[in-house]
């Protein structure tokens, strides 16, 4: 059973989604504007957030940014905006999935469950690995650089851990989408490039002689260690 926060200003949509998620066995909390959403994130510590974009007081983009400043909680964006640029903006900001209105409630529930399954919070691996000043604890899903914990979004952490677990092996964008985003992902494969860019920025203080994420033009990406 997981705690789901639904952030949606249309009461009817919130209630329908809540009913389906509760039927699936999840606990549900509601917020009806952006500021209330930020308060609820602090109060209930949800396992996943369904986040509308067009909301009063604070829009979904700003809410997502503030969530990502403090939390790696998975976020699925709900919006009436269907163009690719908006989807890329959501993925670039750290969203884990993107669902366009109107939607079928059963599909939303399926995507919630898929994101929860893929979330690093659900994975267990009793390993600690060191790459120079970089320490990765696969049990607690923590990453430390020079002794200081560094933070990724859930999707970015999943991608990074997947690459680390397969060192010196090159994966195409399509392979990374299948293994990290899942077969039900229907967005652009540019999301992989954006995620790699964010990961590299977080790891910018890491000595490349200890390892690095390499780009192989026309092929894909690799976690390279000497």
C-alpha atoms as a PDB file:
ATOM      1  CA  UNK A   1       0.000   0.000   0.000  1.00  0.00           C
ATOM      2  CA  UNK A   2       1.392   3.388  -1.057  1.00  0.00           C
ATOM      3  CA  UNK A   3       0.455   6.973  -0.222  1.00  0.00           C
ATOM      4  CA  UNK A   4      -0.583   8.849  -3.367  1.00  0.00           C
ATOM      5  CA  UNK A   5      -0.986  12.637  -3.425  1.00  0.00           C
ATOM      6  CA  UNK A   6      -3.434  13.868  -6.093  1.00  0.00           C
ATOM      7  CA  UNK A   7      -2.912  17.542  -6.959  1.00  0.00           C
ATOM      8  CA  UNK A   8      -5.855  18.561  -9.135  1.00  0.00           C
ATOM      9  CA  UNK A   9      -8.151  21.609  -8.819  1.00  0.00           C
ATOM     10  CA  UNK A  10     -11.114  19.907 -10.529  1.00  0.00           C
ATOM     11  CA  UNK A  11     -12.934  18.084  -7.750  1.00  0.00           C
ATOM     12  CA  UNK A  12     -14.672  15.563 -10.024  1.00  0.00           C
ATOM     13  CA  UNK A  13     -11.380  14.413 -11.579  1.00  0.00           C
ATOM     14  CA  UNK A  14      -9.733  14.150  -8.158  1.00  0.00           C
ATOM     15  CA  UNK A  15     -12.540  12.055  -6.738  1.00  0.00           C
ATOM     16  CA  UNK A  16     -12.615   9.645  -9.695  1.00  0.00           C
ATOM     17  CA  UNK A  17      -8.851   9.127  -9.608  1.00  0.00           C
ATOM     18  CA  UNK A  18      -8.921   8.745  -5.838  1.00  0.00           C
ATOM     19  CA  UNK A  19     -11.647   6.109  -5.997  1.00  0.00           C
ATOM     20  CA  UNK A  20      -9.753   4.014  -8.556  1.00  0.00           C
ATOM     21  CA  UNK A  21      -6.466   4.275  -6.654  1.00  0.00           C
ATOM     22  CA  UNK A  22      -8.128   3.335  -3.358  1.00  0.00           C
ATOM     23  CA  UNK A  23      -9.739   0.356  -5.068  1.00  0.00           C
ATOM     24  CA  UNK A  24      -6.203  -0.655  -6.083  1.00  0.00           C
ATOM     25  CA  UNK A  25      -5.226  -0.582  -2.413  1.00  0.00           C
ATOM     26  CA  UNK A  26      -3.463   2.788  -2.202  1.00  0.00           C
ATOM     27  CA  UNK A  27      -4.009   5.523   0.373  1.00  0.00           C
ATOM     28  CA  UNK A  28      -4.952   8.859  -1.194  1.00  0.00           C
ATOM     29  CA  UNK A  29      -4.490  12.472  -0.116  1.00  0.00           C
ATOM     30  CA  UNK A  30      -5.789  15.484  -2.074  1.00  0.00           C
ATOM     31  CA  UNK A  31      -4.554  19.014  -2.783  1.00  0.00           C
ATOM     32  CA  UNK A  32      -6.472  21.546  -4.882  1.00  0.00           C
ATOM     33  CA  UNK A  33      -3.884  24.251  -5.568  1.00  0.00           C
ATOM     34  CA  UNK A  34      -0.126  24.506  -5.863  1.00  0.00           C
ATOM     35  CA  UNK A  35       0.574  25.937  -2.426  1.00  0.00           C
ATOM     36  CA  UNK A  36      -1.556  23.300  -0.710  1.00  0.00           C
ATOM     37  CA  UNK A  37       0.315  20.667  -2.727  1.00  0.00           C
ATOM     38  CA  UNK A  38       3.672  21.773  -1.307  1.00  0.00           C
ATOM     39  CA  UNK A  39       2.255  21.664   2.229  1.00  0.00           C
ATOM     40  CA  UNK A  40       0.855  18.176   1.693  1.00  0.00           C
ATOM     41  CA  UNK A  41       4.177  16.911   0.311  1.00  0.00           C
ATOM     42  CA  UNK A  42       5.797  17.909   3.617  1.00  0.00           C
ATOM     43  CA  UNK A  43       2.944  16.568   5.763  1.00  0.00           C
ATOM     44  CA  UNK A  44       2.240  13.148   4.244  1.00  0.00           C
ATOM     45  CA  UNK A  45       5.533  12.290   2.498  1.00  0.00           C
ATOM     46  CA  UNK A  46       3.759  10.592  -0.450  1.00  0.00           C
ATOM     47  CA  UNK A  47       5.161   7.640  -2.377  1.00  0.00           C
ATOM     48  CA  UNK A  48       3.990   9.242  -5.648  1.00  0.00           C
ATOM     49  CA  UNK A  49       2.392  12.511  -6.767  1.00  0.00           C
ATOM     50  CA  UNK A  50      -0.159  13.023  -9.543  1.00  0.00           C
ATOM     51  CA  UNK A  51       0.369  16.680 -10.442  1.00  0.00           C
ATOM     52  CA  UNK A  52      -1.870  18.849 -12.619  1.00  0.00           C
ATOM     53  CA  UNK A  53      -0.175  21.725 -14.460  1.00  0.00           C
ATOM     54  CA  UNK A  54      -2.879  24.388 -14.723  1.00  0.00           C
ATOM     55  CA  UNK A  55      -3.700  25.173 -11.088  1.00  0.00           C
ATOM     56  CA  UNK A  56      -4.488  28.224  -8.948  1.00  0.00           C
ATOM     57  CA  UNK A  57      -1.901  29.967  -6.727  1.00  0.00           C
ATOM     58  CA  UNK A  58       1.074  28.050  -8.093  1.00  0.00           C
ATOM     59  CA  UNK A  59       1.235  26.125 -11.378  1.00  0.00           C
ATOM     60  CA  UNK A  60       2.451  22.575 -11.768  1.00  0.00           C
ATOM     61  CA  UNK A  61       5.792  23.546 -13.311  1.00  0.00           C
ATOM     62  CA  UNK A  62       6.699  25.629 -10.252  1.00  0.00           C
ATOM     63  CA  UNK A  63       5.417  22.954  -7.877  1.00  0.00           C
ATOM     64  CA  UNK A  64       7.521  20.321  -9.658  1.00  0.00           C
ATOM     65  CA  UNK A  65      10.619  22.497  -9.391  1.00  0.00           C
ATOM     66  CA  UNK A  66      10.140  23.041  -5.655  1.00  0.00           C
ATOM     67  CA  UNK A  67       9.469  19.336  -5.086  1.00  0.00           C
ATOM     68  CA  UNK A  68      12.667  18.430  -6.931  1.00  0.00           C
ATOM     69  CA  UNK A  69      14.654  20.879  -4.815  1.00  0.00           C
ATOM     70  CA  UNK A  70      13.808  18.795  -1.750  1.00  0.00           C
ATOM     71  CA  UNK A  71      12.539  15.367  -2.762  1.00  0.00           C
ATOM     72  CA  UNK A  72      13.040  12.489  -5.207  1.00  0.00           C
ATOM     73  CA  UNK A  73       9.394  11.405  -4.898  1.00  0.00           C
ATOM     74  CA  UNK A  74       8.058  10.133  -8.268  1.00  0.00           C
ATOM     75  CA  UNK A  75       5.813  12.667 -10.055  1.00  0.00           C
ATOM     76  CA  UNK A  76       3.341  12.019 -12.882  1.00  0.00           C
ATOM     77  CA  UNK A  77       2.158  15.193 -14.624  1.00  0.00           C
ATOM     78  CA  UNK A  78      -1.514  15.542 -15.593  1.00  0.00           C
ATOM     79  CA  UNK A  79      -2.291  18.113 -18.283  1.00  0.00           C
ATOM     80  CA  UNK A  80      -4.500  19.135 -21.177  1.00  0.00           C
ATOM     81  CA  UNK A  81      -1.350  20.202 -23.035  1.00  0.00           C
ATOM     82  CA  UNK A  82      -0.298  17.449 -25.403  1.00  0.00           C
ATOM     83  CA  UNK A  83       2.539  18.895 -27.503  1.00  0.00           C
ATOM     84  CA  UNK A  84       6.034  17.454 -27.343  1.00  0.00           C
ATOM     85  CA  UNK A  85       7.664  20.639 -26.030  1.00  0.00           C
ATOM     86  CA  UNK A  86       5.534  20.534 -22.892  1.00  0.00           C
ATOM     87  CA  UNK A  87       6.335  16.874 -22.364  1.00  0.00           C
ATOM     88  CA  UNK A  88      10.050  17.539 -22.735  1.00  0.00           C
ATOM     89  CA  UNK A  89       9.737  20.434 -20.291  1.00  0.00           C
ATOM     90  CA  UNK A  90       8.122  18.057 -17.790  1.00  0.00           C
ATOM     91  CA  UNK A  91      10.718  15.321 -18.234  1.00  0.00           C
ATOM     92  CA  UNK A  92      13.502  17.885 -18.201  1.00  0.00           C
ATOM     93  CA  UNK A  93      12.189  19.199 -14.889  1.00  0.00           C
ATOM     94  CA  UNK A  94      12.297  15.737 -13.333  1.00  0.00           C
ATOM     95  CA  UNK A  95       8.810  14.358 -14.018  1.00  0.00           C
ATOM     96  CA  UNK A  96       8.595  10.559 -14.190  1.00  0.00           C
ATOM     97  CA  UNK A  97       5.646  10.311 -16.570  1.00  0.00           C
ATOM     98  CA  UNK A  98       3.220  12.541 -18.444  1.00  0.00           C
ATOM     99  CA  UNK A  99      -0.503  11.837 -18.955  1.00  0.00           C
ATOM    100  CA  UNK A 100      -2.640  13.982 -21.260  1.00  0.00           C
ATOM    101  CA  UNK A 101      -6.291  14.790 -20.524  1.00  0.00           C
ATOM    102  CA  UNK A 102      -8.797  13.423 -21.203  1.00  0.00           C
ATOM    103  CA  UNK A 103      -7.597  10.119 -19.849  1.00  0.00           C
ATOM    104  CA  UNK A 104      -9.073   6.817 -18.741  1.00  0.00           C
ATOM    105  CA  UNK A 105      -8.792   6.322 -14.978  1.00  0.00           C
ATOM    106  CA  UNK A 106      -7.673   2.714 -15.381  1.00  0.00           C
ATOM    107  CA  UNK A 107      -4.731   3.906 -17.496  1.00  0.00           C
ATOM    108  CA  UNK A 108      -3.685   6.376 -14.807  1.00  0.00           C
ATOM    109  CA  UNK A 109      -3.766   3.604 -12.194  1.00  0.00           C
ATOM    110  CA  UNK A 110      -1.691   1.354 -14.466  1.00  0.00           C
ATOM    111  CA  UNK A 111       0.889   4.095 -14.961  1.00  0.00           C
ATOM    112  CA  UNK A 112       1.003   4.837 -11.236  1.00  0.00           C
ATOM    113  CA  UNK A 113       1.726   1.180 -10.529  1.00  0.00           C
ATOM    114  CA  UNK A 114       4.334   1.044 -13.304  1.00  0.00           C
ATOM    115  CA  UNK A 115       6.197   4.097 -11.962  1.00  0.00           C
ATOM    116  CA  UNK A 116       6.063   2.706  -8.431  1.00  0.00           C
ATOM    117  CA  UNK A 117       7.519  -0.587  -9.659  1.00  0.00           C
ATOM    118  CA  UNK A 118      10.330   1.231 -11.442  1.00  0.00           C
ATOM    119  CA  UNK A 119      11.043   3.606  -8.582  1.00  0.00           C
ATOM    120  CA  UNK A 120      14.411   3.006  -6.926  1.00  0.00           C
ATOM    121  CA  UNK A 121      12.572   3.070  -3.595  1.00  0.00           C
ATOM    122  CA  UNK A 122      11.262  -0.402  -4.451  1.00  0.00           C
ATOM    123  CA  UNK A 123      14.559  -1.965  -5.466  1.00  0.00           C
ATOM    124  CA  UNK A 124      16.900  -3.915  -3.182  1.00  0.00           C
ATOM    125  CA  UNK A 125      20.459  -4.881  -3.926  1.00  0.00           C
ATOM    126  CA  UNK A 126      22.903  -5.692  -1.132  1.00  0.00           C
ATOM    127  CA  UNK A 127      25.967  -4.088  -2.627  1.00  0.00           C
ATOM    128  CA  UNK A 128      28.222  -1.124  -1.939  1.00  0.00           C
ATOM    129  CA  UNK A 129      30.539  -0.056  -4.738  1.00  0.00           C
ATOM    130  CA  UNK A 130      33.339   2.493  -4.794  1.00  0.00           C
ATOM    131  CA  UNK A 131      34.636   4.322  -7.843  1.00  0.00           C
ATOM    132  CA  UNK A 132      37.321   6.569  -6.441  1.00  0.00           C
ATOM    133  CA  UNK A 133      35.562   9.320  -4.495  1.00  0.00           C
ATOM    134  CA  UNK A 134      32.142   8.015  -5.587  1.00  0.00           C
ATOM    135  CA  UNK A 135      30.352   5.573  -3.268  1.00  0.00           C
ATOM    136  CA  UNK A 136      27.115   3.847  -4.281  1.00  0.00           C
ATOM    137  CA  UNK A 137      25.042   1.944  -1.736  1.00  0.00           C
ATOM    138  CA  UNK A 138      22.612  -0.262  -3.646  1.00  0.00           C
ATOM    139  CA  UNK A 139      20.817  -1.305  -0.462  1.00  0.00           C
ATOM    140  CA  UNK A 140      19.955   2.158   0.813  1.00  0.00           C
ATOM    141  CA  UNK A 141      19.976   3.630  -2.734  1.00  0.00           C
ATOM    142  CA  UNK A 142      22.304   6.422  -1.706  1.00  0.00           C
ATOM    143  CA  UNK A 143      25.137   7.973  -3.670  1.00  0.00           C
ATOM    144  CA  UNK A 144      28.014   9.854  -2.053  1.00  0.00           C
ATOM    145  CA  UNK A 145      30.643  12.022  -3.715  1.00  0.00           C
ATOM    146  CA  UNK A 146      33.660  12.977  -1.594  1.00  0.00           C
ATOM    147  CA  UNK A 147      31.736  11.779   1.452  1.00  0.00           C
ATOM    148  CA  UNK A 148      28.719  14.011   0.788  1.00  0.00           C
ATOM    149  CA  UNK A 149      25.399  12.519  -0.287  1.00  0.00           C
ATOM    150  CA  UNK A 150      24.199  13.644  -3.702  1.00  0.00           C
ATOM    151  CA  UNK A 151      20.621  13.451  -4.873  1.00  0.00           C
ATOM    152  CA  UNK A 152      18.965  12.379  -8.120  1.00  0.00           C
ATOM    153  CA  UNK A 153      15.346  12.268  -9.235  1.00  0.00           C
ATOM    154  CA  UNK A 154      13.929   8.711  -9.041  1.00  0.00           C
ATOM    155  CA  UNK A 155      14.138   8.198 -12.810  1.00  0.00           C
ATOM    156  CA  UNK A 156      17.650   9.608 -13.040  1.00  0.00           C
ATOM    157  CA  UNK A 157      18.772   7.416 -10.141  1.00  0.00           C
ATOM    158  CA  UNK A 158      17.269   4.347 -11.829  1.00  0.00           C
ATOM    159  CA  UNK A 159      19.106   5.207 -15.049  1.00  0.00           C
ATOM    160  CA  UNK A 160      22.401   5.835 -13.257  1.00  0.00           C
ATOM    161  CA  UNK A 161      22.190   2.602 -11.245  1.00  0.00           C
ATOM    162  CA  UNK A 162      21.328   0.618 -14.368  1.00  0.00           C
ATOM    163  CA  UNK A 163      24.409   1.925 -16.159  1.00  0.00           C
ATOM    164  CA  UNK A 164      26.604   1.331 -13.101  1.00  0.00           C
ATOM    165  CA  UNK A 165      25.411  -2.262 -12.843  1.00  0.00           C
ATOM    166  CA  UNK A 166      26.518  -2.845 -16.471  1.00  0.00           C
ATOM    167  CA  UNK A 167      29.915  -1.123 -16.663  1.00  0.00           C
ATOM    168  CA  UNK A 168      31.711  -0.723 -19.990  1.00  0.00           C
ATOM    169  CA  UNK A 169      28.636  -1.811 -21.898  1.00  0.00           C
ATOM    170  CA  UNK A 170      27.013   0.540 -24.407  1.00  0.00           C
ATOM    171  CA  UNK A 171      23.219   0.896 -24.439  1.00  0.00           C
ATOM    172  CA  UNK A 172      21.149   2.600 -27.117  1.00  0.00           C
ATOM    173  CA  UNK A 173      18.491   5.113 -26.145  1.00  0.00           C
ATOM    174  CA  UNK A 174      15.864   2.518 -27.018  1.00  0.00           C
ATOM    175  CA  UNK A 175      17.428  -0.065 -24.694  1.00  0.00           C
ATOM    176  CA  UNK A 176      17.611   2.467 -21.858  1.00  0.00           C
ATOM    177  CA  UNK A 177      13.980   3.456 -22.431  1.00  0.00           C
ATOM    178  CA  UNK A 178      12.909  -0.193 -22.243  1.00  0.00           C
ATOM    179  CA  UNK A 179      14.940  -0.992 -19.117  1.00  0.00           C
ATOM    180  CA  UNK A 180      14.415   2.224 -17.142  1.00  0.00           C
ATOM    181  CA  UNK A 181      11.334   4.041 -18.465  1.00  0.00           C
ATOM    182  CA  UNK A 182       9.461   0.829 -19.305  1.00  0.00           C
ATOM    183  CA  UNK A 183       7.703  -0.524 -22.387  1.00  0.00           C
ATOM    184  CA  UNK A 184       4.638   1.667 -21.726  1.00  0.00           C
ATOM    185  CA  UNK A 185       6.620   4.902 -22.141  1.00  0.00           C
ATOM    186  CA  UNK A 186       5.369   6.820 -25.173  1.00  0.00           C
ATOM    187  CA  UNK A 187       7.465   9.979 -25.029  1.00  0.00           C
ATOM    188  CA  UNK A 188      10.534  11.075 -26.978  1.00  0.00           C
ATOM    189  CA  UNK A 189      13.850   9.288 -26.556  1.00  0.00           C
ATOM    190  CA  UNK A 190      15.340  12.750 -25.992  1.00  0.00           C
ATOM    191  CA  UNK A 191      14.317  12.176 -22.382  1.00  0.00           C
ATOM    192  CA  UNK A 192      17.383   9.910 -22.148  1.00  0.00           C
ATOM    193  CA  UNK A 193      19.673  12.733 -23.295  1.00  0.00           C
ATOM    194  CA  UNK A 194      18.138  15.135 -20.759  1.00  0.00           C
ATOM    195  CA  UNK A 195      18.541  12.611 -17.948  1.00  0.00           C
ATOM    196  CA  UNK A 196      22.186  11.947 -18.854  1.00  0.00           C
ATOM    197  CA  UNK A 197      22.818  15.707 -18.903  1.00  0.00           C
ATOM    198  CA  UNK A 198      21.361  16.076 -15.390  1.00  0.00           C
ATOM    199  CA  UNK A 199      23.353  13.092 -14.073  1.00  0.00           C
ATOM    200  CA  UNK A 200      26.600  14.472 -15.493  1.00  0.00           C
ATOM    201  CA  UNK A 201      25.908  17.835 -13.872  1.00  0.00           C
ATOM    202  CA  UNK A 202      25.390  16.182 -10.482  1.00  0.00           C
ATOM    203  CA  UNK A 203      28.613  14.182 -10.943  1.00  0.00           C
ATOM    204  CA  UNK A 204      30.617  17.192 -12.169  1.00  0.00           C
ATOM    205  CA  UNK A 205      32.965  16.993  -9.142  1.00  0.00           C
ATOM    206  CA  UNK A 206      33.857  13.360  -9.836  1.00  0.00           C
ATOM    207  CA  UNK A 207      37.315  12.632 -11.239  1.00  0.00           C
ATOM    208  CA  UNK A 208      36.872  11.093 -14.711  1.00  0.00           C
ATOM    209  CA  UNK A 209      39.925   8.934 -14.116  1.00  0.00           C
ATOM    210  CA  UNK A 210      37.729   6.951 -11.694  1.00  0.00           C
ATOM    211  CA  UNK A 211      34.911   6.553 -14.203  1.00  0.00           C
ATOM    212  CA  UNK A 212      32.504   8.528 -16.361  1.00  0.00           C
ATOM    213  CA  UNK A 213      29.355   8.316 -18.450  1.00  0.00           C
ATOM    214  CA  UNK A 214      30.503   8.274 -22.064  1.00  0.00           C
ATOM    215  CA  UNK A 215      28.574   9.125 -25.201  1.00  0.00           C
ATOM    216  CA  UNK A 216      29.190   6.993 -28.285  1.00  0.00           C
ATOM    217  CA  UNK A 217      27.792   8.907 -31.235  1.00  0.00           C
ATOM    218  CA  UNK A 218      25.272   6.876 -33.170  1.00  0.00           C
ATOM    219  CA  UNK A 219      25.359   4.118 -30.551  1.00  0.00           C
ATOM    220  CA  UNK A 220      24.346   5.309 -27.091  1.00  0.00           C
ATOM    221  CA  UNK A 221      25.721   5.670 -23.576  1.00  0.00           C
ATOM    222  CA  UNK A 222      28.076   3.731 -21.343  1.00  0.00           C
ATOM    223  CA  UNK A 223      29.281   3.812 -17.720  1.00  0.00           C
ATOM    224  CA  UNK A 224      32.991   3.616 -18.425  1.00  0.00           C
ATOM    225  CA  UNK A 225      35.563   2.514 -15.833  1.00  0.00           C
ATOM    226  CA  UNK A 226      39.257   2.030 -16.498  1.00  0.00           C
END
